[in-house]
């Protein structure tokens, strides 16, 4: 008597599709974070430009903080730090998307019968 073992790889196909969807979500998050970072960098550049303009015109300085170049430079530095955080988030999401795509490729290959081993 011979025993027959069948392996159902249909779950690998659905796993591959799931990982592809997950990668798409990470790509979308990455793009959104990159757009936010670009907006904050643009705000910081505007603040730096305004500070440079005020620095060249000391006669405009007053007790009002809106006319103190150092405050604009500080605000620009804060905006740059916020943008840097969004940019780090974008890179992290791209890395997560890459990983999900690798897992999707593995499961697709496994579904096609090209591999039997689980990667370490």
PDB file of N, CA and C in Angstrom:
ATOM      1  N   UNK A   1       0.834  -1.166   0.000  1.00  0.00           N
ATOM      2  CA  UNK A   1       0.000   0.000   0.000  1.00  0.00           C
ATOM      3  C   UNK A   1       0.884   1.236   0.000  1.00  0.00           C
ATOM      4  N   UNK A   2       0.568   2.155  -0.855  1.00  0.00           N
ATOM      5  CA  UNK A   2       1.352   3.377  -0.990  1.00  0.00           C
ATOM      6  C   UNK A   2       0.529   4.570  -0.531  1.00  0.00           C
ATOM      7  N   UNK A   3       1.143   5.370   0.313  1.00  0.00           N
ATOM      8  CA  UNK A   3       0.462   6.580   0.790  1.00  0.00           C
ATOM      9  C   UNK A   3       0.783   7.733  -0.154  1.00  0.00           C
ATOM     10  N   UNK A   4      -0.217   8.495  -0.457  1.00  0.00           N
ATOM     11  CA  UNK A   4      -0.036   9.657  -1.331  1.00  0.00           C
ATOM     12  C   UNK A   4      -0.179  10.925  -0.492  1.00  0.00           C
ATOM     13  N   UNK A   5       0.816  11.770  -0.620  1.00  0.00           N
ATOM     14  CA  UNK A   5       0.787  13.040   0.095  1.00  0.00           C
ATOM     15  C   UNK A   5       0.591  14.137  -0.945  1.00  0.00           C
ATOM     16  N   UNK A   6      -0.420  14.936  -0.732  1.00  0.00           N
ATOM     17  CA  UNK A   6      -0.641  16.075  -1.629  1.00  0.00           C
ATOM     18  C   UNK A   6      -0.414  17.358  -0.845  1.00  0.00           C
ATOM     19  N   UNK A   7       0.205  18.287  -1.500  1.00  0.00           N
ATOM     20  CA  UNK A   7       0.477  19.582  -0.882  1.00  0.00           C
ATOM     21  C   UNK A   7      -0.368  20.619  -1.597  1.00  0.00           C
ATOM     22  N   UNK A   8      -1.145  21.337  -0.832  1.00  0.00           N
ATOM     23  CA  UNK A   8      -2.003  22.372  -1.389  1.00  0.00           C
ATOM     24  C   UNK A   8      -1.282  23.709  -1.291  1.00  0.00           C
ATOM     25  N   UNK A   9      -0.905  24.255  -2.445  1.00  0.00           N
ATOM     26  CA  UNK A   9      -0.199  25.529  -2.461  1.00  0.00           C
ATOM     27  C   UNK A   9      -1.129  26.704  -2.735  1.00  0.00           C
ATOM     28  N   UNK A  10      -2.438  26.476  -2.730  1.00  0.00           N
ATOM     29  CA  UNK A  10      -3.359  27.581  -2.990  1.00  0.00           C
ATOM     30  C   UNK A  10      -3.265  28.649  -1.904  1.00  0.00           C
ATOM     31  N   UNK A  11      -2.910  28.226  -0.696  1.00  0.00           N
ATOM     32  CA  UNK A  11      -2.759  29.220   0.370  1.00  0.00           C
ATOM     33  C   UNK A  11      -1.567  30.126   0.092  1.00  0.00           C
ATOM     34  N   UNK A  12      -0.540  29.609  -0.605  1.00  0.00           N
ATOM     35  CA  UNK A  12       0.602  30.443  -0.967  1.00  0.00           C
ATOM     36  C   UNK A  12       0.192  31.524  -1.955  1.00  0.00           C
ATOM     37  N   UNK A  13      -0.729  31.184  -2.864  1.00  0.00           N
ATOM     38  CA  UNK A  13      -1.186  32.180  -3.830  1.00  0.00           C
ATOM     39  C   UNK A  13      -1.935  33.299  -3.124  1.00  0.00           C
ATOM     40  N   UNK A  14      -2.816  32.946  -2.191  1.00  0.00           N
ATOM     41  CA  UNK A  14      -3.549  33.989  -1.472  1.00  0.00           C
ATOM     42  C   UNK A  14      -2.612  34.766  -0.545  1.00  0.00           C
ATOM     43  N   UNK A  15      -1.591  34.098  -0.006  1.00  0.00           N
ATOM     44  CA  UNK A  15      -0.608  34.797   0.825  1.00  0.00           C
ATOM     45  C   UNK A  15       0.167  35.807  -0.024  1.00  0.00           C
ATOM     46  N   UNK A  16       0.517  35.415  -1.243  1.00  0.00           N
ATOM     47  CA  UNK A  16       1.236  36.331  -2.135  1.00  0.00           C
ATOM     48  C   UNK A  16       0.377  37.557  -2.430  1.00  0.00           C
ATOM     49  N   UNK A  17      -0.902  37.331  -2.690  1.00  0.00           N
ATOM     50  CA  UNK A  17      -1.799  38.454  -2.966  1.00  0.00           C
ATOM     51  C   UNK A  17      -1.920  39.361  -1.745  1.00  0.00           C
ATOM     52  N   UNK A  18      -1.984  38.757  -0.580  1.00  0.00           N
ATOM     53  CA  UNK A  18      -2.062  39.546   0.648  1.00  0.00           C
ATOM     54  C   UNK A  18      -0.820  40.390   0.862  1.00  0.00           C
ATOM     55  N   UNK A  19       0.343  39.807   0.611  1.00  0.00           N
ATOM     56  CA  UNK A  19       1.583  40.567   0.756  1.00  0.00           C
ATOM     57  C   UNK A  19       1.670  41.685  -0.281  1.00  0.00           C
ATOM     58  N   UNK A  20       1.163  41.438  -1.504  1.00  0.00           N
ATOM     59  CA  UNK A  20       1.160  42.504  -2.511  1.00  0.00           C
ATOM     60  C   UNK A  20       0.253  43.661  -2.075  1.00  0.00           C
ATOM     61  N   UNK A  21      -0.903  43.343  -1.503  1.00  0.00           N
ATOM     62  CA  UNK A  21      -1.786  44.399  -0.996  1.00  0.00           C
ATOM     63  C   UNK A  21      -1.107  45.166   0.141  1.00  0.00           C
ATOM     64  N   UNK A  22      -0.441  44.422   1.025  1.00  0.00           N
ATOM     65  CA  UNK A  22       0.272  45.059   2.132  1.00  0.00           C
ATOM     66  C   UNK A  22       1.363  45.984   1.604  1.00  0.00           C
ATOM     67  N   UNK A  23       2.099  45.536   0.598  1.00  0.00           N
ATOM     68  CA  UNK A  23       3.148  46.376   0.001  1.00  0.00           C
ATOM     69  C   UNK A  23       2.541  47.643  -0.586  1.00  0.00           C
ATOM     70  N   UNK A  24       1.396  47.517  -1.237  1.00  0.00           N
ATOM     71  CA  UNK A  24       0.730  48.685  -1.794  1.00  0.00           C
ATOM     72  C   UNK A  24       0.350  49.685  -0.724  1.00  0.00           C
ATOM     73  N   UNK A  25      -0.136  49.194   0.398  1.00  0.00           N
ATOM     74  CA  UNK A  25      -0.481  50.094   1.503  1.00  0.00           C
ATOM     75  C   UNK A  25       0.760  50.816   2.027  1.00  0.00           C
ATOM     76  N   UNK A  26       1.869  50.086   2.143  1.00  0.00           N
ATOM     77  CA  UNK A  26       3.098  50.719   2.606  1.00  0.00           C
ATOM     78  C   UNK A  26       3.595  51.753   1.600  1.00  0.00           C
ATOM     79  N   UNK A  27       3.488  51.462   0.305  1.00  0.00           N
ATOM     80  CA  UNK A  27       3.887  52.438  -0.715  1.00  0.00           C
ATOM     81  C   UNK A  27       3.028  53.699  -0.605  1.00  0.00           C
ATOM     82  N   UNK A  28       1.725  53.526  -0.407  1.00  0.00           N
ATOM     83  CA  UNK A  28       0.837  54.684  -0.270  1.00  0.00           C
ATOM     84  C   UNK A  28       1.203  55.515   0.957  1.00  0.00           C
ATOM     85  N   UNK A  29       1.477  54.840   2.071  1.00  0.00           N
ATOM     86  CA  UNK A  29       1.877  55.561   3.280  1.00  0.00           C
ATOM     87  C   UNK A  29       3.185  56.308   3.064  1.00  0.00           C
ATOM     88  N   UNK A  30       4.107  55.667   2.362  1.00  0.00           N
ATOM     89  CA  UNK A  30       5.395  56.284   2.093  1.00  0.00           C
ATOM     90  C   UNK A  30       5.228  57.534   1.231  1.00  0.00           C
ATOM     91  N   UNK A  31       4.403  57.439   0.211  1.00  0.00           N
ATOM     92  CA  UNK A  31       4.183  58.592  -0.668  1.00  0.00           C
ATOM     93  C   UNK A  31       3.526  59.737   0.099  1.00  0.00           C
ATOM     94  N   UNK A  32       2.563  59.415   0.955  1.00  0.00           N
ATOM     95  CA  UNK A  32       1.903  60.454   1.744  1.00  0.00           C
ATOM     96  C   UNK A  32       2.894  61.129   2.700  1.00  0.00           C
ATOM     97  N   UNK A  33       3.738  60.339   3.352  1.00  0.00           N
ATOM     98  CA  UNK A  33       4.727  60.909   4.275  1.00  0.00           C
ATOM     99  C   UNK A  33       5.736  61.768   3.516  1.00  0.00           C
ATOM    100  N   UNK A  34       6.120  61.343   2.321  1.00  0.00           N
ATOM    101  CA  UNK A  34       7.058  62.134   1.521  1.00  0.00           C
ATOM    102  C   UNK A  34       6.427  63.465   1.098  1.00  0.00           C
ATOM    103  N   UNK A  35       5.131  63.443   0.751  1.00  0.00           N
ATOM    104  CA  UNK A  35       4.448  64.697   0.407  1.00  0.00           C
ATOM    105  C   UNK A  35       4.387  65.632   1.611  1.00  0.00           C
ATOM    106  N   UNK A  36       4.101  65.078   2.785  1.00  0.00           N
ATOM    107  CA  UNK A  36       4.070  65.900   3.997  1.00  0.00           C
ATOM    108  C   UNK A  36       5.448  66.493   4.280  1.00  0.00           C
ATOM    109  N   UNK A  37       6.489  65.684   4.125  1.00  0.00           N
ATOM    110  CA  UNK A  37       7.852  66.169   4.355  1.00  0.00           C
ATOM    111  C   UNK A  37       8.176  67.314   3.392  1.00  0.00           C
ATOM    112  N   UNK A  38       7.796  67.166   2.132  1.00  0.00           N
ATOM    113  CA  UNK A  38       8.059  68.225   1.152  1.00  0.00           C
ATOM    114  C   UNK A  38       7.355  69.518   1.545  1.00  0.00           C
ATOM    115  N   UNK A  39       6.136  69.405   2.048  1.00  0.00           N
ATOM    116  CA  UNK A  39       5.411  70.600   2.495  1.00  0.00           C
ATOM    117  C   UNK A  39       6.102  71.298   3.647  1.00  0.00           C
ATOM    118  N   UNK A  40       6.569  70.515   4.615  1.00  0.00           N
ATOM    119  CA  UNK A  40       7.256  71.107   5.765  1.00  0.00           C
ATOM    120  C   UNK A  40       8.592  71.709   5.348  1.00  0.00           C
ATOM    121  N   UNK A  41       9.326  71.057   4.429  1.00  0.00           N
ATOM    122  CA  UNK A  41      10.589  71.632   3.945  1.00  0.00           C
ATOM    123  C   UNK A  41      10.320  72.956   3.215  1.00  0.00           C
ATOM    124  N   UNK A  42       9.226  73.024   2.494  1.00  0.00           N
ATOM    125  CA  UNK A  42       8.881  74.258   1.784  1.00  0.00           C
ATOM    126  C   UNK A  42       8.573  75.375   2.778  1.00  0.00           C
ATOM    127  N   UNK A  43       7.832  75.043   3.845  1.00  0.00           N
ATOM    128  CA  UNK A  43       7.562  76.039   4.887  1.00  0.00           C
ATOM    129  C   UNK A  43       8.861  76.522   5.544  1.00  0.00           C
ATOM    130  N   UNK A  44       9.763  75.599   5.820  1.00  0.00           N
ATOM    131  CA  UNK A  44      11.039  75.959   6.440  1.00  0.00           C
ATOM    132  C   UNK A  44      11.847  76.876   5.517  1.00  0.00           C
ATOM    133  N   UNK A  45      11.840  76.577   4.229  1.00  0.00           N
ATOM    134  CA  UNK A  45      12.572  77.417   3.282  1.00  0.00           C
ATOM    135  C   UNK A  45      11.981  78.828   3.245  1.00  0.00           C
ATOM    136  N   UNK A  46      10.661  78.923   3.300  1.00  0.00           N
ATOM    137  CA  UNK A  46      10.018  80.233   3.322  1.00  0.00           C
ATOM    138  C   UNK A  46      10.393  81.028   4.561  1.00  0.00           C
ATOM    139  N   UNK A  47      10.436  80.344   5.707  1.00  0.00           N
ATOM    140  CA  UNK A  47      10.823  81.012   6.953  1.00  0.00           C
ATOM    141  C   UNK A  47      12.271  81.486   6.887  1.00  0.00           C
ATOM    142  N   UNK A  48      13.146  80.655   6.336  1.00  0.00           N
ATOM    143  CA  UNK A  48      14.566  81.050   6.220  1.00  0.00           C
ATOM    144  C   UNK A  48      14.709  82.246   5.274  1.00  0.00           C
ATOM    145  N   UNK A  49      13.962  82.217   4.208  1.00  0.00           N
ATOM    146  CA  UNK A  49      14.005  83.325   3.248  1.00  0.00           C
ATOM    147  C   UNK A  49      13.518  84.623   3.915  1.00  0.00           C
ATOM    148  N   UNK A  50      12.458  84.521   4.691  1.00  0.00           N
ATOM    149  CA  UNK A  50      11.930  85.697   5.388  1.00  0.00           C
ATOM    150  C   UNK A  50      12.939  86.200   6.429  1.00  0.00           C
ATOM    151  N   UNK A  51      13.597  85.284   7.124  1.00  0.00           N
ATOM    152  CA  UNK A  51      14.609  85.679   8.111  1.00  0.00           C
ATOM    153  C   UNK A  51      15.772  86.390   7.424  1.00  0.00           C
ATOM    154  N   UNK A  52      16.187  85.892   6.263  1.00  0.00           N
ATOM    155  CA  UNK A  52      17.275  86.548   5.531  1.00  0.00           C
ATOM    156  C   UNK A  52      16.851  87.944   5.077  1.00  0.00           C
ATOM    157  N   UNK A  53      15.620  88.059   4.643  1.00  0.00           N
ATOM    158  CA  UNK A  53      15.107  89.354   4.207  1.00  0.00           C
ATOM    159  C   UNK A  53      15.100  90.337   5.378  1.00  0.00           C
ATOM    160  N   UNK A  54      14.653  89.867   6.560  1.00  0.00           N
ATOM    161  CA  UNK A  54      14.629  90.736   7.744  1.00  0.00           C
ATOM    162  C   UNK A  54      16.041  91.082   8.223  1.00  0.00           C
ATOM    163  N   UNK A  55      16.959  90.128   8.101  1.00  0.00           N
ATOM    164  CA  UNK A  55      18.331  90.364   8.552  1.00  0.00           C
ATOM    165  C   UNK A  55      18.958  91.511   7.763  1.00  0.00           C
ATOM    166  N   UNK A  56      18.608  91.618   6.502  1.00  0.00           N
ATOM    167  CA  UNK A  56      19.145  92.690   5.668  1.00  0.00           C
ATOM    168  C   UNK A  56      18.480  94.038   5.964  1.00  0.00           C
ATOM    169  N   UNK A  57      17.442  94.064   6.762  1.00  0.00           N
ATOM    170  CA  UNK A  57      16.696  95.289   7.069  1.00  0.00           C
ATOM    171  C   UNK A  57      16.521  95.454   8.588  1.00  0.00           C
ATOM    172  N   UNK A  58      17.595  95.759   9.312  1.00  0.00           N
ATOM    173  CA  UNK A  58      17.487  95.885  10.772  1.00  0.00           C
ATOM    174  C   UNK A  58      16.574  97.032  11.213  1.00  0.00           C
ATOM    175  N   UNK A  59      16.315  97.981  10.335  1.00  0.00           N
ATOM    176  CA  UNK A  59      15.435  99.085  10.704  1.00  0.00           C
ATOM    177  C   UNK A  59      13.988  98.626  10.902  1.00  0.00           C
ATOM    178  N   UNK A  60      13.647  97.436  10.396  1.00  0.00           N
ATOM    179  CA  UNK A  60      12.290  96.914  10.545  1.00  0.00           C
ATOM    180  C   UNK A  60      12.088  96.144  11.855  1.00  0.00           C
ATOM    181  N   UNK A  61      13.194  95.827  12.536  1.00  0.00           N
ATOM    182  CA  UNK A  61      13.070  95.036  13.750  1.00  0.00           C
ATOM    183  C   UNK A  61      12.349  95.849  14.812  1.00  0.00           C
ATOM    184  N   UNK A  62      11.567  95.181  15.576  1.00  0.00           N
ATOM    185  CA  UNK A  62      10.846  95.845  16.658  1.00  0.00           C
ATOM    186  C   UNK A  62      10.695  94.868  17.810  1.00  0.00           C
ATOM    187  N   UNK A  63       9.986  95.268  18.805  1.00  0.00           N
ATOM    188  CA  UNK A  63       9.734  94.381  19.932  1.00  0.00           C
ATOM    189  C   UNK A  63       8.792  93.243  19.541  1.00  0.00           C
ATOM    190  N   UNK A  64       8.058  93.446  18.466  1.00  0.00           N
ATOM    191  CA  UNK A  64       7.124  92.430  17.981  1.00  0.00           C
ATOM    192  C   UNK A  64       7.923  91.220  17.478  1.00  0.00           C
ATOM    193  N   UNK A  65       7.645  89.994  17.995  1.00  0.00           N
ATOM    194  CA  UNK A  65       8.407  88.813  17.576  1.00  0.00           C
ATOM    195  C   UNK A  65       8.299  88.509  16.077  1.00  0.00           C
ATOM    196  N   UNK A  66       7.296  89.051  15.423  1.00  0.00           N
ATOM    197  CA  UNK A  66       7.156  88.795  13.994  1.00  0.00           C
ATOM    198  C   UNK A  66       8.287  89.440  13.202  1.00  0.00           C
ATOM    199  N   UNK A  67       8.998  90.381  13.815  1.00  0.00           N
ATOM    200  CA  UNK A  67      10.057  91.082  13.105  1.00  0.00           C
ATOM    201  C   UNK A  67      11.443  90.739  13.634  1.00  0.00           C
ATOM    202  N   UNK A  68      11.580  89.620  14.325  1.00  0.00           N
ATOM    203  CA  UNK A  68      12.888  89.202  14.845  1.00  0.00           C
ATOM    204  C   UNK A  68      13.388  88.026  13.995  1.00  0.00           C
ATOM    205  N   UNK A  69      14.487  88.206  13.254  1.00  0.00           N
ATOM    206  CA  UNK A  69      14.976  87.141  12.367  1.00  0.00           C
ATOM    207  C   UNK A  69      15.316  85.842  13.099  1.00  0.00           C
ATOM    208  N   UNK A  70      15.827  85.928  14.317  1.00  0.00           N
ATOM    209  CA  UNK A  70      16.203  84.721  15.064  1.00  0.00           C
ATOM    210  C   UNK A  70      14.998  83.828  15.313  1.00  0.00           C
ATOM    211  N   UNK A  71      13.838  84.428  15.553  1.00  0.00           N
ATOM    212  CA  UNK A  71      12.632  83.640  15.762  1.00  0.00           C
ATOM    213  C   UNK A  71      12.248  82.891  14.487  1.00  0.00           C
ATOM    214  N   UNK A  72      12.404  83.546  13.351  1.00  0.00           N
ATOM    215  CA  UNK A  72      12.101  82.886  12.075  1.00  0.00           C
ATOM    216  C   UNK A  72      13.086  81.741  11.807  1.00  0.00           C
ATOM    217  N   UNK A  73      14.346  81.937  12.156  1.00  0.00           N
ATOM    218  CA  UNK A  73      15.333  80.863  11.993  1.00  0.00           C
ATOM    219  C   UNK A  73      14.998  79.679  12.893  1.00  0.00           C
ATOM    220  N   UNK A  74      14.580  79.978  14.118  1.00  0.00           N
ATOM    221  CA  UNK A  74      14.200  78.912  15.047  1.00  0.00           C
ATOM    222  C   UNK A  74      12.988  78.141  14.508  1.00  0.00           C
ATOM    223  N   UNK A  75      12.001  78.873  14.029  1.00  0.00           N
ATOM    224  CA  UNK A  75      10.808  78.234  13.468  1.00  0.00           C
ATOM    225  C   UNK A  75      11.173  77.375  12.256  1.00  0.00           C
ATOM    226  N   UNK A  76      12.080  77.859  11.433  1.00  0.00           N
ATOM    227  CA  UNK A  76      12.531  77.084  10.268  1.00  0.00           C
ATOM    228  C   UNK A  76      13.212  75.793  10.715  1.00  0.00           C
ATOM    229  N   UNK A  77      14.004  75.874  11.791  1.00  0.00           N
ATOM    230  CA  UNK A  77      14.665  74.668  12.310  1.00  0.00           C
ATOM    231  C   UNK A  77      13.638  73.661  12.824  1.00  0.00           C
ATOM    232  N   UNK A  78      12.598  74.159  13.487  1.00  0.00           N
ATOM    233  CA  UNK A  78      11.535  73.271  13.974  1.00  0.00           C
ATOM    234  C   UNK A  78      10.826  72.607  12.791  1.00  0.00           C
ATOM    235  N   UNK A  79      10.491  73.395  11.764  1.00  0.00           N
ATOM    236  CA  UNK A  79       9.828  72.841  10.586  1.00  0.00           C
ATOM    237  C   UNK A  79      10.704  71.786   9.911  1.00  0.00           C
ATOM    238  N   UNK A  80      12.019  72.020   9.888  1.00  0.00           N
ATOM    239  CA  UNK A  80      12.940  71.051   9.279  1.00  0.00           C
ATOM    240  C   UNK A  80      12.959  69.751  10.074  1.00  0.00           C
ATOM    241  N   UNK A  81      12.931  69.845  11.394  1.00  0.00           N
ATOM    242  CA  UNK A  81      12.899  68.621  12.210  1.00  0.00           C
ATOM    243  C   UNK A  81      11.614  67.833  11.977  1.00  0.00           C
ATOM    244  N   UNK A  82      10.500  68.533  11.859  1.00  0.00           N
ATOM    245  CA  UNK A  82       9.223  67.854  11.580  1.00  0.00           C
ATOM    246  C   UNK A  82       9.310  67.159  10.211  1.00  0.00           C
ATOM    247  N   UNK A  83       9.844  67.853   9.224  1.00  0.00           N
ATOM    248  CA  UNK A  83       9.975  67.267   7.884  1.00  0.00           C
ATOM    249  C   UNK A  83      10.897  66.049   7.906  1.00  0.00           C
ATOM    250  N   UNK A  84      11.978  66.134   8.680  1.00  0.00           N
ATOM    251  CA  UNK A  84      12.894  64.995   8.790  1.00  0.00           C
ATOM    252  C   UNK A  84      12.193  63.765   9.354  1.00  0.00           C
ATOM    253  N   UNK A  85      11.310  63.979  10.317  1.00  0.00           N
ATOM    254  CA  UNK A  85      10.559  62.839  10.875  1.00  0.00           C
ATOM    255  C   UNK A  85       9.661  62.201   9.828  1.00  0.00           C
ATOM    256  N   UNK A  86       8.981  63.029   9.056  1.00  0.00           N
ATOM    257  CA  UNK A  86       8.135  62.483   7.990  1.00  0.00           C
ATOM    258  C   UNK A  86       8.978  61.741   6.958  1.00  0.00           C
ATOM    259  N   UNK A  87      10.152  62.277   6.657  1.00  0.00           N
ATOM    260  CA  UNK A  87      11.014  61.623   5.678  1.00  0.00           C
ATOM    261  C   UNK A  87      11.512  60.277   6.199  1.00  0.00           C
ATOM    262  N   UNK A  88      11.867  60.207   7.474  1.00  0.00           N
ATOM    263  CA  UNK A  88      12.271  58.922   8.054  1.00  0.00           C
ATOM    264  C   UNK A  88      11.119  57.926   7.993  1.00  0.00           C
ATOM    265  N   UNK A  89       9.916  58.409   8.254  1.00  0.00           N
ATOM    266  CA  UNK A  89       8.742  57.548   8.164  1.00  0.00           C
ATOM    267  C   UNK A  89       8.554  57.036   6.739  1.00  0.00           C
ATOM    268  N   UNK A  90       8.772  57.900   5.759  1.00  0.00           N
ATOM    269  CA  UNK A  90       8.635  57.486   4.352  1.00  0.00           C
ATOM    270  C   UNK A  90       9.644  56.390   4.020  1.00  0.00           C
ATOM    271  N   UNK A  91      10.895  56.556   4.473  1.00  0.00           N
ATOM    272  CA  UNK A  91      11.910  55.535   4.195  1.00  0.00           C
ATOM    273  C   UNK A  91      11.578  54.220   4.892  1.00  0.00           C
ATOM    274  N   UNK A  92      11.076  54.303   6.105  1.00  0.00           N
ATOM    275  CA  UNK A  92      10.706  53.091   6.843  1.00  0.00           C
ATOM    276  C   UNK A  92       9.566  52.357   6.132  1.00  0.00           C
ATOM    277  N   UNK A  93       8.574  53.104   5.671  1.00  0.00           N
ATOM    278  CA  UNK A  93       7.474  52.476   4.945  1.00  0.00           C
ATOM    279  C   UNK A  93       7.941  51.858   3.629  1.00  0.00           C
ATOM    280  N   UNK A  94       8.899  52.489   2.965  1.00  0.00           N
ATOM    281  CA  UNK A  94       9.444  51.895   1.732  1.00  0.00           C
ATOM    282  C   UNK A  94      10.158  50.582   2.046  1.00  0.00           C
ATOM    283  N   UNK A  95      10.858  50.555   3.165  1.00  0.00           N
ATOM    284  CA  UNK A  95      11.529  49.318   3.564  1.00  0.00           C
ATOM    285  C   UNK A  95      10.513  48.222   3.874  1.00  0.00           C
ATOM    286  N   UNK A  96       9.427  48.575   4.551  1.00  0.00           N
ATOM    287  CA  UNK A  96       8.375  47.604   4.843  1.00  0.00           C
ATOM    288  C   UNK A  96       7.730  47.104   3.543  1.00  0.00           C
ATOM    289  N   UNK A  97       7.538  48.000   2.581  1.00  0.00           N
ATOM    290  CA  UNK A  97       6.958  47.607   1.287  1.00  0.00           C
ATOM    291  C   UNK A  97       7.898  46.650   0.553  1.00  0.00           C
ATOM    292  N   UNK A  98       9.203  46.937   0.601  1.00  0.00           N
ATOM    293  CA  UNK A  98      10.175  46.040  -0.031  1.00  0.00           C
ATOM    294  C   UNK A  98      10.105  44.646   0.582  1.00  0.00           C
ATOM    295  N   UNK A  99      10.024  44.606   1.907  1.00  0.00           N
ATOM    296  CA  UNK A  99       9.949  43.320   2.595  1.00  0.00           C
ATOM    297  C   UNK A  99       8.670  42.569   2.201  1.00  0.00           C
ATOM    298  N   UNK A 100       7.549  43.272   2.148  1.00  0.00           N
ATOM    299  CA  UNK A 100       6.282  42.632   1.763  1.00  0.00           C
ATOM    300  C   UNK A 100       6.350  42.120   0.329  1.00  0.00           C
ATOM    301  N   UNK A 101       7.000  42.877  -0.550  1.00  0.00           N
ATOM    302  CA  UNK A 101       7.157  42.416  -1.941  1.00  0.00           C
ATOM    303  C   UNK A 101       8.034  41.164  -2.019  1.00  0.00           C
ATOM    304  N   UNK A 102       9.067  41.106  -1.200  1.00  0.00           N
ATOM    305  CA  UNK A 102       9.908  39.904  -1.169  1.00  0.00           C
ATOM    306  C   UNK A 102       9.106  38.691  -0.709  1.00  0.00           C
ATOM    307  N   UNK A 103       8.285  38.888   0.320  1.00  0.00           N
ATOM    308  CA  UNK A 103       7.451  37.779   0.806  1.00  0.00           C
ATOM    309  C   UNK A 103       6.427  37.368  -0.254  1.00  0.00           C
ATOM    310  N   UNK A 104       5.865  38.341  -0.963  1.00  0.00           N
ATOM    311  CA  UNK A 104       4.908  38.033  -2.028  1.00  0.00           C
ATOM    312  C   UNK A 104       5.592  37.232  -3.133  1.00  0.00           C
ATOM    313  N   UNK A 105       6.802  37.620  -3.498  1.00  0.00           N
ATOM    314  CA  UNK A 105       7.536  36.889  -4.540  1.00  0.00           C
ATOM    315  C   UNK A 105       7.844  35.465  -4.092  1.00  0.00           C
ATOM    316  N   UNK A 106       8.209  35.315  -2.827  1.00  0.00           N
ATOM    317  CA  UNK A 106       8.489  33.980  -2.307  1.00  0.00           C
ATOM    318  C   UNK A 106       7.250  33.095  -2.391  1.00  0.00           C
ATOM    319  N   UNK A 107       6.116  33.619  -1.930  1.00  0.00           N
ATOM    320  CA  UNK A 107       4.887  32.819  -1.937  1.00  0.00           C
ATOM    321  C   UNK A 107       4.394  32.553  -3.354  1.00  0.00           C
ATOM    322  N   UNK A 108       4.587  33.506  -4.265  1.00  0.00           N
ATOM    323  CA  UNK A 108       4.205  33.278  -5.657  1.00  0.00           C
ATOM    324  C   UNK A 108       5.070  32.178  -6.272  1.00  0.00           C
ATOM    325  N   UNK A 109       6.372  32.205  -5.969  1.00  0.00           N
ATOM    326  CA  UNK A 109       7.270  31.159  -6.482  1.00  0.00           C
ATOM    327  C   UNK A 109       6.914  29.809  -5.873  1.00  0.00           C
ATOM    328  N   UNK A 110       6.583  29.823  -4.619  1.00  0.00           N
ATOM    329  CA  UNK A 110       6.201  28.573  -3.959  1.00  0.00           C
ATOM    330  C   UNK A 110       4.917  28.022  -4.558  1.00  0.00           C
ATOM    331  N   UNK A 111       3.973  28.908  -4.870  1.00  0.00           N
ATOM    332  CA  UNK A 111       2.719  28.488  -5.499  1.00  0.00           C
ATOM    333  C   UNK A 111       2.993  27.892  -6.883  1.00  0.00           C
ATOM    334  N   UNK A 112       3.976  28.451  -7.559  1.00  0.00           N
ATOM    335  CA  UNK A 112       4.328  27.951  -8.894  1.00  0.00           C
ATOM    336  C   UNK A 112       5.157  26.675  -8.809  1.00  0.00           C
ATOM    337  N   UNK A 113       5.529  26.272  -7.612  1.00  0.00           N
ATOM    338  CA  UNK A 113       6.299  25.042  -7.441  1.00  0.00           C
ATOM    339  C   UNK A 113       7.783  25.233  -7.664  1.00  0.00           C
ATOM    340  N   UNK A 114       8.253  26.461  -7.620  1.00  0.00           N
ATOM    341  CA  UNK A 114       9.659  26.731  -7.881  1.00  0.00           C
ATOM    342  C   UNK A 114      10.545  26.553  -6.653  1.00  0.00           C
ATOM    343  N   UNK A 115       9.952  26.559  -5.472  1.00  0.00           N
ATOM    344  CA  UNK A 115      10.752  26.430  -4.252  1.00  0.00           C
ATOM    345  C   UNK A 115       9.943  25.667  -3.212  1.00  0.00           C
ATOM    346  N   UNK A 116      10.635  25.009  -2.324  1.00  0.00           N
ATOM    347  CA  UNK A 116       9.975  24.270  -1.252  1.00  0.00           C
ATOM    348  C   UNK A 116      10.476  24.707   0.118  1.00  0.00           C
ATOM    349  N   UNK A 117      11.540  25.498   0.127  1.00  0.00           N
ATOM    350  CA  UNK A 117      12.133  25.872   1.409  1.00  0.00           C
ATOM    351  C   UNK A 117      11.656  27.252   1.823  1.00  0.00           C
ATOM    352  N   UNK A 118      11.495  27.416   3.114  1.00  0.00           N
ATOM    353  CA  UNK A 118      11.148  28.715   3.676  1.00  0.00           C
ATOM    354  C   UNK A 118      12.435  29.480   3.885  1.00  0.00           C
ATOM    355  N   UNK A 119      12.497  30.755   3.429  1.00  0.00           N
ATOM    356  CA  UNK A 119      13.747  31.500   3.618  1.00  0.00           C
ATOM    357  C   UNK A 119      14.007  31.770   5.093  1.00  0.00           C
ATOM    358  N   UNK A 120      15.265  31.817   5.450  1.00  0.00           N
ATOM    359  CA  UNK A 120      15.640  32.043   6.855  1.00  0.00           C
ATOM    360  C   UNK A 120      15.531  33.477   7.224  1.00  0.00           C
TER     361      UNK A 120
END
